[in-house]
Amino acid sequence: MNLGIFIIGAITFFIAFSFFKVSAFKKTKNAEPSWLKLVAVFFADYLVLATGVLISGIVFVSIFNFAHG
């Protein structure tokens, strides 16, 4: 049961972060990208995504365990 709750937390963060990235992409669509900037943004986004998925999953499981004793 905890794994399912963890996955739900991870999916929730992933969807929210995806909406954020789509919005940011629309605002910067006309900017001239360079490969170095794109790689830097990729690694920053990856770190935020991995950390956020882990933390969101842990928070969801913690809340579930607290609510169910």
Protein backbone atom coordinates (compact mmCIF):
# COMPACT_ATOMS: atom_id res chain seq x y z
CA MET A 1 0.00 0.00 0.00
CA ASN A 2 2.83 2.42 0.82
CA LEU A 3 4.40 1.89 -2.60
CA GLY A 4 1.14 2.85 -4.30
CA ILE A 5 0.85 6.00 -2.21
CA PHE A 6 4.50 6.82 -2.98
CA ILE A 7 3.85 6.41 -6.71
CA ILE A 8 0.78 8.67 -6.51
CA GLY A 9 2.88 11.37 -4.83
CA ALA A 10 5.57 11.00 -7.48
CA ILE A 11 3.05 11.21 -10.33
CA THR A 12 1.43 14.28 -8.77
CA PHE A 13 4.76 16.09 -8.66
CA PHE A 14 5.68 14.97 -12.17
CA ILE A 15 2.41 16.31 -13.62
CA ALA A 16 2.73 19.64 -11.79
CA PHE A 17 6.36 20.03 -12.89
CA SER A 18 5.40 19.16 -16.48
CA PHE A 19 2.77 21.92 -16.53
CA PHE A 20 5.39 24.32 -15.18
CA LYS A 21 7.86 23.35 -17.93
CA VAL A 22 5.24 23.69 -20.69
CA SER A 23 4.40 27.17 -19.43
CA ALA A 24 8.08 28.15 -19.25
CA PHE A 25 8.68 26.77 -22.76
CA LYS A 26 5.81 28.83 -24.19
CA LYS A 27 7.24 32.00 -22.65
CA THR A 28 10.76 31.41 -23.99
CA LYS A 29 9.88 29.84 -27.34
CA ASN A 30 11.23 32.75 -29.36
CA ALA A 31 14.54 33.00 -27.48
CA GLU A 32 17.67 31.78 -29.25
CA PRO A 33 18.82 28.67 -27.33
CA SER A 34 22.40 27.50 -27.14
CA TRP A 35 23.38 23.88 -26.53
CA LEU A 36 25.28 24.75 -23.38
CA LYS A 37 22.24 26.49 -21.89
CA LEU A 38 19.95 23.62 -22.90
CA VAL A 39 22.23 21.04 -21.26
CA ALA A 40 22.46 23.15 -18.10
CA VAL A 41 18.68 23.51 -17.98
CA PHE A 42 18.27 19.77 -18.54
CA PHE A 43 20.49 18.87 -15.58
CA ALA A 44 18.86 21.47 -13.34
CA ASP A 45 15.41 20.22 -14.30
CA TYR A 46 16.47 16.61 -13.76
CA LEU A 47 17.74 17.39 -10.26
CA VAL A 48 14.54 19.28 -9.39
CA LEU A 49 12.39 16.50 -10.83
CA ALA A 50 14.22 13.66 -9.07
CA THR A 51 14.28 15.48 -5.75
CA GLY A 52 10.66 16.56 -6.04
CA VAL A 53 9.44 13.08 -6.93
CA LEU A 54 11.24 11.56 -3.93
CA ILE A 55 10.09 14.25 -1.51
CA SER A 56 6.48 14.22 -2.76
CA GLY A 57 6.35 10.44 -2.50
CA ILE A 58 7.78 10.51 1.01
CA VAL A 59 5.33 13.22 2.08
CA PHE A 60 2.34 11.28 0.70
CA VAL A 61 3.44 8.09 2.50
CA SER A 62 4.10 9.98 5.73
CA ILE A 63 0.66 11.59 5.67
CA PHE A 64 -0.94 8.24 4.90
CA ASN A 65 0.88 6.49 7.75
CA PHE A 66 0.08 9.32 10.18
CA ALA A 67 -3.63 9.26 9.23
CA HIS A 68 -3.90 5.48 9.60
CA GLY A 69 -1.98 5.13 12.84
